[in-house]
Amino acid sequence: KTSPALKKEKSVGKFLFRGLTYLSFLIFFLIMSVGLVLEFFFPAERFRLLAEDQISQQLKLPLTIKKISFSLLSGIQVDDITLGSAIRPLAQIKQIILNYDLTQLLQGKLVINQVLLDHPQLTAISQDGVWNFLPLLKPESRSRPSAPADKTSPLPSFPLPEIDIKALTLRNASAHLEQDGKLNAYIEGLSLEAQGKISRKNLDLKLKVL
């Protein structure tokens, strides 16, 4: 015969197992619900237009993005980014893919499974001594008067978490430098791989040139 104590232990074990199972389903359901809500209130097309507008204002150069798609469970993908004029852009990237680990993120750890920059192109051109990337070097503070600092209410500082990057890939990169028709320099087909950890105080990356 089974003793009452053993029956009690089995019943407690079943109760805990059912509780953990239901809790897992609940967490998964909440994550899926949050993802659907975010996609409903912040559709990818709306986010794309917002990103183009805000980044263009910050960089003082026109930015166009063909498509943005994101998933709460996996990450984000950005297609056909162009910075600068459409005729001779300063920079172009065919695709950016960022995949993160959601389970680690729920534990307060930022783990990036993959970062891919596919076919990035940089074109630096100087005409009459003026480079096309000059707007990037003009900070916002020069064009607007700076507000007096409020010493009584300092802004809180938020510590940046350590980022664990499992794979960072720069694939088929190219660069072109042209200075007033006198100097031309090219780099094509450059591919890099890196992995490591990035924090506010430390940068530990292992880099490999392919």
Protein backbone atom coordinates (compact mmCIF):
# COMPACT_ATOMS: atom_id res chain seq x y z
CA LYS A 1 0.00 0.00 0.00
CA THR A 2 1.09 3.54 -0.72
CA SER A 3 1.66 5.61 2.38
CA PRO A 4 -0.26 8.90 2.83
CA ALA A 5 3.05 10.84 2.83
CA LEU A 6 4.03 9.38 -0.55
CA LYS A 7 0.59 10.15 -1.99
CA LYS A 8 0.93 13.71 -0.72
CA GLU A 9 4.36 14.11 -2.36
CA LYS A 10 3.03 12.82 -5.69
CA SER A 11 0.04 15.15 -5.56
CA VAL A 12 2.30 18.11 -4.76
CA GLY A 13 4.62 17.14 -7.65
CA LYS A 14 1.69 16.94 -10.08
CA PHE A 15 0.40 20.29 -8.85
CA LEU A 16 3.80 21.94 -9.36
CA PHE A 17 4.18 20.39 -12.81
CA ARG A 18 0.74 21.60 -13.87
CA GLY A 19 1.45 25.02 -12.41
CA LEU A 20 4.71 25.38 -14.33
CA THR A 21 3.04 24.16 -17.52
CA TYR A 22 0.21 26.66 -17.20
CA LEU A 23 2.68 29.43 -16.33
CA SER A 24 4.76 28.65 -19.43
CA PHE A 25 1.67 28.78 -21.64
CA LEU A 26 0.62 32.04 -19.97
CA ILE A 27 4.01 33.68 -20.57
CA PHE A 28 4.02 32.52 -24.20
CA PHE A 29 0.47 33.83 -24.65
CA LEU A 30 1.41 37.20 -23.13
CA ILE A 31 4.45 37.51 -25.39
CA MET A 32 2.39 36.70 -28.48
CA SER A 33 -0.29 39.18 -27.36
CA VAL A 34 2.25 41.94 -26.84
CA GLY A 35 3.71 41.22 -30.28
CA LEU A 36 0.31 41.44 -31.93
CA VAL A 37 -0.54 44.65 -30.07
CA LEU A 38 2.75 46.25 -31.08
CA GLU A 39 2.29 45.24 -34.72
CA PHE A 40 -1.29 46.61 -34.64
CA PHE A 41 -0.50 49.99 -33.08
CA PHE A 42 2.98 50.32 -34.61
CA PRO A 43 2.81 48.70 -38.06
CA ALA A 44 6.07 48.24 -39.91
CA GLU A 45 5.20 50.83 -42.57
CA ARG A 46 4.45 53.48 -39.96
CA PHE A 47 7.67 52.66 -38.15
CA ARG A 48 9.59 52.88 -41.44
CA LEU A 49 8.29 56.39 -42.15
CA LEU A 50 9.01 57.48 -38.59
CA ALA A 51 12.56 56.09 -38.76
CA GLU A 52 13.22 57.85 -42.08
CA ASP A 53 12.00 61.18 -40.72
CA GLN A 54 13.78 61.07 -37.36
CA ILE A 55 17.12 59.78 -38.66
CA SER A 56 17.11 62.27 -41.55
CA GLN A 57 16.64 65.10 -39.05
CA GLN A 58 19.42 63.83 -36.79
CA LEU A 59 21.95 63.20 -39.56
CA LYS A 60 20.90 66.22 -41.67
CA LEU A 61 20.92 63.99 -44.74
CA PRO A 62 17.98 62.30 -46.48
CA LEU A 63 17.49 58.68 -45.48
CA THR A 64 15.28 56.23 -47.36
CA ILE A 65 14.34 52.71 -46.30
CA LYS A 66 12.52 50.36 -48.65
CA LYS A 67 11.13 47.95 -46.07
CA ILE A 68 11.23 47.17 -42.35
CA SER A 69 9.91 43.95 -40.86
CA PHE A 70 10.17 42.95 -37.22
CA SER A 71 9.03 40.20 -34.90
CA LEU A 72 8.96 40.30 -31.12
CA LEU A 73 10.12 36.68 -30.97
CA SER A 74 13.13 36.99 -33.28
CA GLY A 75 14.24 40.48 -34.27
CA ILE A 76 14.25 43.00 -37.10
CA GLN A 77 15.14 43.12 -40.80
CA VAL A 78 15.72 46.32 -42.78
CA ASP A 79 16.01 46.29 -46.58
CA ASP A 80 17.64 48.78 -48.97
CA ILE A 81 18.85 51.70 -46.84
CA THR A 82 20.14 54.78 -48.66
CA LEU A 83 21.74 57.80 -46.99
CA GLY A 84 22.21 60.93 -49.07
CA SER A 85 21.04 61.82 -52.56
CA ALA A 86 19.54 59.10 -54.73
CA ILE A 87 21.97 59.87 -57.58
CA ARG A 88 25.24 59.55 -55.64
CA PRO A 89 24.39 58.46 -52.09
CA LEU A 90 26.88 58.69 -49.26
CA ALA A 91 26.04 55.22 -47.96
CA GLN A 92 23.91 52.26 -48.97
CA ILE A 93 23.17 48.94 -47.29
CA LYS A 94 21.32 46.17 -49.06
CA GLN A 95 20.07 44.51 -45.89
CA ILE A 96 20.44 44.62 -42.12
CA ILE A 97 19.36 41.63 -40.03
CA LEU A 98 19.35 41.61 -36.24
CA ASN A 99 18.26 38.51 -34.34
CA TYR A 100 18.18 38.44 -30.56
CA ASP A 101 17.50 35.82 -27.88
CA LEU A 102 14.10 36.57 -26.34
CA THR A 103 14.52 34.12 -23.45
CA GLN A 104 17.74 35.84 -22.39
CA LEU A 105 16.09 39.24 -22.80
CA LEU A 106 13.34 38.24 -20.37
CA GLN A 107 16.09 37.46 -17.87
CA GLY A 108 17.57 40.93 -18.25
CA LYS A 109 20.42 39.86 -20.57
CA LEU A 110 20.88 41.27 -24.06
CA VAL A 111 22.16 38.46 -26.28
CA ILE A 112 22.38 39.12 -30.04
CA ASN A 113 22.44 35.89 -32.02
CA GLN A 114 23.21 37.56 -35.36
CA VAL A 115 23.94 40.97 -36.81
CA LEU A 116 24.33 41.00 -40.59
CA LEU A 117 25.19 44.00 -42.75
CA ASP A 118 24.89 42.86 -46.35
CA HIS A 119 26.62 44.82 -49.16
CA PRO A 120 27.30 48.10 -47.33
CA GLN A 121 28.68 50.76 -49.67
CA LEU A 122 30.35 54.02 -48.67
CA THR A 123 31.04 56.79 -51.19
CA ALA A 124 32.98 59.83 -49.94
CA ILE A 125 33.25 62.58 -52.54
CA SER A 126 34.89 66.00 -52.31
CA GLN A 127 33.91 68.79 -54.72
CA ASP A 128 35.76 72.10 -54.42
CA GLY A 129 37.05 70.99 -51.05
CA VAL A 130 33.60 70.18 -49.64
CA TRP A 131 32.92 66.55 -48.70
CA ASN A 132 29.48 65.02 -49.04
CA PHE A 133 29.62 63.70 -45.46
CA LEU A 134 30.12 67.22 -44.01
CA PRO A 135 26.52 67.48 -42.66
CA LEU A 136 27.24 64.51 -40.39
CA LEU A 137 30.00 66.50 -38.67
CA LYS A 138 27.77 69.44 -37.76
CA PRO A 139 26.22 68.79 -34.35
CA GLU A 140 22.74 70.00 -33.51
CA SER A 141 24.05 72.19 -30.73
CA ARG A 142 25.79 74.55 -33.18
CA SER A 143 22.61 75.47 -35.00
CA ARG A 144 20.48 75.94 -31.87
CA PRO A 145 21.24 78.00 -28.76
CA SER A 146 21.99 75.76 -25.85
CA ALA A 147 19.60 75.90 -22.92
CA PRO A 148 21.03 76.75 -19.49
CA ALA A 149 21.82 73.66 -17.46
CA ASP A 150 19.49 72.91 -14.56
CA LYS A 151 21.73 72.00 -11.67
CA THR A 152 18.87 71.37 -9.26
CA SER A 153 17.36 68.43 -11.16
CA PRO A 154 20.07 66.37 -12.90
CA LEU A 155 18.91 63.77 -15.36
CA PRO A 156 19.20 60.19 -14.12
CA SER A 157 21.79 58.04 -15.81
CA PHE A 158 20.68 54.63 -17.00
CA PRO A 159 23.40 51.99 -17.08
CA LEU A 160 23.77 50.30 -20.43
CA PRO A 161 23.56 46.52 -20.26
CA GLU A 162 26.36 44.34 -21.54
CA ILE A 163 25.66 43.16 -25.07
CA ASP A 164 26.73 39.63 -25.92
CA ILE A 165 27.14 39.37 -29.70
CA LYS A 166 27.35 35.80 -30.95
CA ALA A 167 27.91 36.69 -34.62
CA LEU A 168 28.46 40.03 -36.35
CA THR A 169 29.00 39.82 -40.10
CA LEU A 170 29.95 42.52 -42.58
CA ARG A 171 29.46 40.96 -46.01
CA ASN A 172 30.81 42.26 -49.33
CA ALA A 173 31.52 45.80 -48.17
CA SER A 174 32.86 48.42 -50.56
CA ALA A 175 34.14 51.97 -50.25
CA HIS A 176 35.00 54.69 -52.75
CA LEU A 177 36.87 57.92 -52.02
CA GLU A 178 37.13 60.67 -54.63
CA GLN A 179 38.82 64.01 -53.92
CA ASP A 180 38.23 66.78 -56.45
CA GLY A 181 39.01 64.47 -59.35
CA LYS A 182 42.64 64.18 -58.24
CA LEU A 183 42.49 61.16 -55.95
CA ASN A 184 40.48 57.95 -56.35
CA ALA A 185 40.62 55.05 -53.91
CA TYR A 186 38.55 51.87 -53.87
CA ILE A 187 37.92 48.89 -51.63
CA GLU A 188 35.63 46.08 -52.78
CA GLY A 189 34.53 42.67 -51.54
CA LEU A 190 35.57 43.18 -47.92
CA SER A 191 33.95 40.74 -45.49
CA LEU A 192 34.43 40.65 -41.73
CA GLU A 193 33.22 38.49 -38.88
CA ALA A 194 33.28 39.38 -35.20
CA GLN A 195 31.97 38.09 -31.90
CA GLY A 196 32.33 39.15 -28.31
CA LYS A 197 30.88 41.45 -25.69
CA ILE A 198 30.27 45.19 -25.60
CA SER A 199 29.61 47.21 -22.46
CA ARG A 200 29.81 50.84 -21.46
CA LYS A 201 33.36 50.42 -20.13
CA ASN A 202 34.72 47.59 -22.22
CA LEU A 203 34.89 46.39 -25.82
CA ASP A 204 35.97 42.79 -26.27
CA LEU A 205 35.53 41.63 -29.85
CA LYS A 206 37.35 38.97 -31.83
CA LEU A 207 37.63 40.12 -35.43
CA LYS A 208 38.34 37.98 -38.50
CA VAL A 209 38.84 39.26 -42.04
CA LEU A 210 37.48 36.87 -44.67
